[in-house]
Amino acid sequence: MTENSEKPEWSFDTWAETYDQEIATGNSFDRYADILAAVVEVANIRPGSQVLDIGVGTGNLALLCAELGARVVGLDPYKGMLAKAEIKLAGHSDVRLAWCEDPFLSLPSDDASFDAIVSTFAFHHVLHEEKPAAVQELKRALKPGGVVSIGDLMFENAQAETAGLKEHDWLDETEFFSRIDELSDMFAENGMELICQQFTPVAWVVHATRSKES
């Protein structure tokens, strides 16, 4: 079980050059396309929906949302990733990309701004002790009745994480993988029920809806 409390220096600006080619191989990103599609589906995105994509990366998830007619804001702390996303999304005038140093914890948005908040393969970069605050921030930015939808590397609980890290040696122990049982409690504390679907031994799609009364 990992209990890291310091963020390592990840080299995503360098990885931006090869990211799309690597996900196409399906090695560390088994069922990548299925996971992105599921994140979009459960987010109930419609034409005109205001959507926030946290950790937009090279723009793959934002592109799916834009193709459904959504108005998308994509945030990322890595300028190399944003540069790739800008090229990919150049033909979509309803997409706005922006740099944000710590998007899960400090969203540059007003309360109740978005119909959907989506993210893929980014939440595991949030420190374990910061995840409760991140969930609160997601709820704050979400409109009543809106959906937060996350696809990421996760484990059912601490025991599953310990076993998974041994079995899947490509996983980086310097990252902060969510545990479904703990994450469910965090959302419950904010009045939101977390619905979870497992896609691979290490990848899940989870979503929760903000109550229209909250």
Protein backbone atom coordinates (compact mmCIF):
# COMPACT_ATOMS: atom_id res chain seq x y z
CA MET A 1 0.00 0.00 0.00
CA THR A 2 1.35 3.42 -0.92
CA GLU A 3 1.07 6.32 1.50
CA ASN A 4 3.15 8.95 -0.28
CA SER A 5 2.79 12.53 0.91
CA GLU A 6 4.97 14.37 -1.60
CA LYS A 7 4.35 14.82 -5.29
CA PRO A 8 7.23 13.64 -7.51
CA GLU A 9 8.35 15.59 -10.54
CA TRP A 10 6.46 14.02 -13.45
CA SER A 11 7.71 14.74 -16.97
CA PHE A 12 4.41 15.13 -18.82
CA ASP A 13 5.70 17.92 -21.04
CA THR A 14 8.18 15.42 -22.46
CA TRP A 15 5.59 12.63 -22.60
CA ALA A 16 3.26 14.85 -24.64
CA GLU A 17 5.30 14.06 -27.76
CA THR A 18 4.57 10.33 -27.61
CA TYR A 19 1.43 10.09 -25.45
CA ASP A 20 -1.09 9.40 -28.22
CA GLN A 21 1.17 6.81 -29.84
CA GLU A 22 1.64 5.01 -26.52
CA ILE A 23 -2.04 4.83 -25.69
CA ALA A 24 -2.67 3.36 -29.13
CA THR A 25 -0.55 0.32 -28.20
CA GLY A 26 -2.91 -0.58 -25.36
CA ASN A 27 -0.12 -1.62 -22.99
CA SER A 28 -0.49 0.53 -19.87
CA PHE A 29 -3.77 1.89 -21.23
CA ASP A 30 -5.82 -1.26 -21.75
CA ARG A 31 -9.37 -0.35 -22.89
CA TYR A 32 -8.44 3.33 -23.06
CA ALA A 33 -11.05 4.17 -25.71
CA ASP A 34 -13.76 2.24 -23.84
CA ILE A 35 -12.99 4.11 -20.63
CA LEU A 36 -13.15 7.52 -22.31
CA ALA A 37 -16.43 6.60 -23.99
CA ALA A 38 -17.90 5.44 -20.68
CA VAL A 39 -16.83 8.63 -18.89
CA VAL A 40 -18.64 10.68 -21.52
CA GLU A 41 -21.72 8.44 -21.53
CA VAL A 42 -22.37 8.52 -17.78
CA ALA A 43 -21.75 12.29 -17.71
CA ASN A 44 -24.94 12.70 -19.77
CA ILE A 45 -23.38 15.31 -22.05
CA ARG A 46 -25.74 17.00 -24.50
CA PRO A 47 -25.45 19.81 -27.06
CA GLY A 48 -24.79 23.02 -25.16
CA SER A 49 -23.66 21.31 -21.95
CA GLN A 50 -21.04 23.23 -20.01
CA VAL A 51 -18.26 20.67 -19.45
CA LEU A 52 -15.01 20.91 -17.51
CA ASP A 53 -12.22 18.45 -18.41
CA ILE A 54 -9.60 18.32 -15.65
CA GLY A 55 -6.21 17.07 -16.80
CA VAL A 56 -7.18 17.58 -20.43
CA GLY A 57 -3.81 16.25 -21.62
CA THR A 58 -3.59 15.98 -25.40
CA GLY A 59 -7.33 16.59 -25.72
CA ASN A 60 -8.80 13.14 -26.39
CA LEU A 61 -11.63 13.34 -23.85
CA ALA A 62 -12.34 17.00 -24.62
CA LEU A 63 -12.66 16.09 -28.29
CA LEU A 64 -15.34 13.49 -27.54
CA CYS A 65 -17.27 16.05 -25.51
CA ALA A 66 -16.93 18.71 -28.21
CA GLU A 67 -18.18 16.30 -30.87
CA LEU A 68 -21.39 15.95 -28.83
CA GLY A 69 -21.88 19.71 -29.00
CA ALA A 70 -20.66 20.56 -25.50
CA ARG A 71 -18.93 23.76 -24.53
CA VAL A 72 -15.70 22.54 -23.00
CA VAL A 73 -13.13 24.08 -20.68
CA GLY A 74 -9.97 21.97 -20.52
CA LEU A 75 -7.43 22.50 -17.74
CA ASP A 76 -3.95 21.04 -17.42
CA PRO A 77 -0.80 21.89 -15.43
CA TYR A 78 1.50 20.89 -18.31
CA LYS A 79 2.01 23.29 -21.20
CA GLY A 80 3.40 20.57 -23.48
CA MET A 81 0.16 18.63 -23.17
CA LEU A 82 -1.89 21.77 -23.78
CA ALA A 83 0.08 22.52 -26.94
CA LYS A 84 -0.88 19.11 -28.37
CA ALA A 85 -4.49 19.60 -27.33
CA GLU A 86 -4.65 22.99 -29.02
CA ILE A 87 -3.64 21.40 -32.32
CA LYS A 88 -6.13 18.55 -31.96
CA LEU A 89 -9.02 20.83 -30.99
CA ALA A 90 -8.27 23.73 -33.32
CA GLY A 91 -11.47 23.20 -35.28
CA HIS A 92 -13.74 23.40 -32.24
CA SER A 93 -14.56 26.99 -31.32
CA ASP A 94 -16.52 25.95 -28.21
CA VAL A 95 -13.41 24.50 -26.54
CA ARG A 96 -11.25 26.70 -24.31
CA LEU A 97 -7.95 25.37 -22.99
CA ALA A 98 -6.08 26.88 -20.06
CA TRP A 99 -3.09 26.19 -17.86
CA CYS A 100 -3.89 25.58 -14.20
CA GLU A 101 -1.25 24.65 -11.67
CA ASP A 102 -3.44 22.48 -9.42
CA PRO A 103 -6.81 22.08 -11.12
CA PHE A 104 -8.40 19.50 -8.83
CA LEU A 105 -7.83 21.65 -5.75
CA SER A 106 -8.24 25.19 -7.05
CA LEU A 107 -10.60 25.45 -10.00
CA PRO A 108 -10.67 28.87 -11.70
CA SER A 109 -14.46 28.87 -11.87
CA ASP A 110 -17.49 30.18 -10.03
CA ASP A 111 -19.74 27.97 -7.94
CA ALA A 112 -22.18 25.78 -9.89
CA SER A 113 -20.58 26.49 -13.27
CA PHE A 114 -20.67 23.12 -15.03
CA ASP A 115 -23.23 20.54 -16.09
CA ALA A 116 -20.50 17.90 -16.10
CA ILE A 117 -16.96 17.61 -14.81
CA VAL A 118 -14.94 14.85 -16.47
CA SER A 119 -11.42 13.54 -16.08
CA THR A 120 -9.41 10.55 -17.22
CA PHE A 121 -6.12 9.21 -15.89
CA ALA A 122 -5.38 12.30 -13.82
CA PHE A 123 -6.97 11.95 -10.37
CA HIS A 124 -4.22 9.57 -9.21
CA HIS A 125 -1.86 12.56 -9.18
CA VAL A 126 -3.78 14.08 -6.27
CA LEU A 127 -2.22 13.30 -2.88
CA HIS A 128 -4.24 10.90 -0.72
CA GLU A 129 -4.68 13.53 1.99
CA GLU A 130 -5.83 16.09 -0.60
CA LYS A 131 -8.50 13.92 -2.23
CA PRO A 132 -11.29 14.91 0.22
CA ALA A 133 -10.67 18.59 -0.59
CA ALA A 134 -10.63 17.74 -4.30
CA VAL A 135 -14.05 16.07 -4.05
CA GLN A 136 -15.41 19.16 -2.27
CA GLU A 137 -14.01 21.36 -5.03
CA LEU A 138 -15.61 19.19 -7.71
CA LYS A 139 -18.99 19.51 -6.01
CA ARG A 140 -18.56 23.29 -5.63
CA ALA A 141 -18.01 23.80 -9.36
CA LEU A 142 -20.81 21.43 -10.39
CA LYS A 143 -24.34 22.68 -11.05
CA PRO A 144 -27.12 21.08 -8.98
CA GLY A 145 -28.10 17.98 -10.95
CA GLY A 146 -24.71 17.92 -12.65
CA VAL A 147 -22.45 14.88 -12.92
CA VAL A 148 -18.80 14.32 -12.09
CA SER A 149 -17.33 11.41 -14.08
CA ILE A 150 -13.80 10.07 -13.57
CA GLY A 151 -11.93 7.29 -15.34
CA ASP A 152 -8.67 6.37 -13.66
CA LEU A 153 -6.32 3.78 -12.24
CA MET A 154 -7.96 2.71 -8.97
CA PHE A 155 -8.30 -0.21 -6.59
CA GLU A 156 -11.28 -1.51 -4.65
CA ASN A 157 -9.52 -1.11 -1.29
CA ALA A 158 -6.08 -1.01 0.33
CA GLN A 159 -5.67 -4.78 0.16
CA ALA A 160 -6.45 -4.81 -3.55
CA GLU A 161 -3.94 -2.01 -4.06
CA THR A 162 -1.18 -3.95 -2.33
CA ALA A 163 -1.87 -7.03 -4.46
CA GLY A 164 -2.27 -4.99 -7.65
CA LEU A 165 1.02 -3.16 -7.28
CA LYS A 166 2.78 -6.52 -6.94
CA GLU A 167 1.00 -8.05 -9.92
CA HIS A 168 1.24 -5.04 -12.25
CA ASP A 169 4.84 -3.93 -11.95
CA TRP A 170 4.39 -1.15 -14.54
CA LEU A 171 2.35 0.84 -12.03
CA ASP A 172 4.29 3.70 -10.47
CA GLU A 173 4.31 3.50 -6.67
CA THR A 174 5.00 7.25 -6.51
CA GLU A 175 1.40 7.88 -7.61
CA PHE A 176 -1.68 8.12 -5.42
CA PHE A 177 -4.24 5.60 -6.62
CA SER A 178 -7.76 6.04 -5.28
CA ARG A 179 -9.41 3.25 -3.34
CA ILE A 180 -13.05 2.80 -4.21
CA ASP A 181 -14.19 2.29 -0.62
CA GLU A 182 -12.50 5.49 0.57
CA LEU A 183 -13.54 7.52 -2.46
CA SER A 184 -17.16 6.42 -2.02
CA ASP A 185 -17.05 7.72 1.55
CA MET A 186 -15.65 11.07 0.38
CA PHE A 187 -18.49 11.57 -2.06
CA ALA A 188 -21.05 10.38 0.50
CA GLU A 189 -19.80 13.04 2.91
CA ASN A 190 -20.70 15.56 0.21
CA GLY A 191 -24.17 14.11 -0.29
CA MET A 192 -23.30 12.28 -3.52
CA GLU A 193 -23.55 8.55 -4.24
CA LEU A 194 -20.58 7.18 -6.16
CA ILE A 195 -21.46 4.63 -8.85
CA CYS A 196 -18.51 2.48 -9.92
CA GLN A 197 -17.73 0.27 -12.90
CA GLN A 198 -14.52 -1.73 -13.24
CA PHE A 199 -13.03 -1.98 -16.75
CA THR A 200 -9.69 -3.69 -16.10
CA PRO A 201 -7.97 -5.07 -12.98
CA VAL A 202 -6.62 -1.55 -12.35
CA ALA A 203 -8.98 0.84 -14.16
CA TRP A 204 -12.42 2.06 -13.13
CA VAL A 205 -15.00 4.60 -14.23
CA VAL A 206 -16.83 6.27 -11.34
CA HIS A 207 -19.50 8.95 -11.39
CA ALA A 208 -21.73 10.85 -9.00
CA THR A 209 -24.55 13.35 -9.37
CA ARG A 210 -24.92 16.50 -7.31
CA SER A 211 -28.38 16.70 -5.80
CA LYS A 212 -30.60 19.40 -7.26
CA GLU A 213 -31.32 20.50 -3.70
CA SER A 214 -27.69 20.80 -2.57
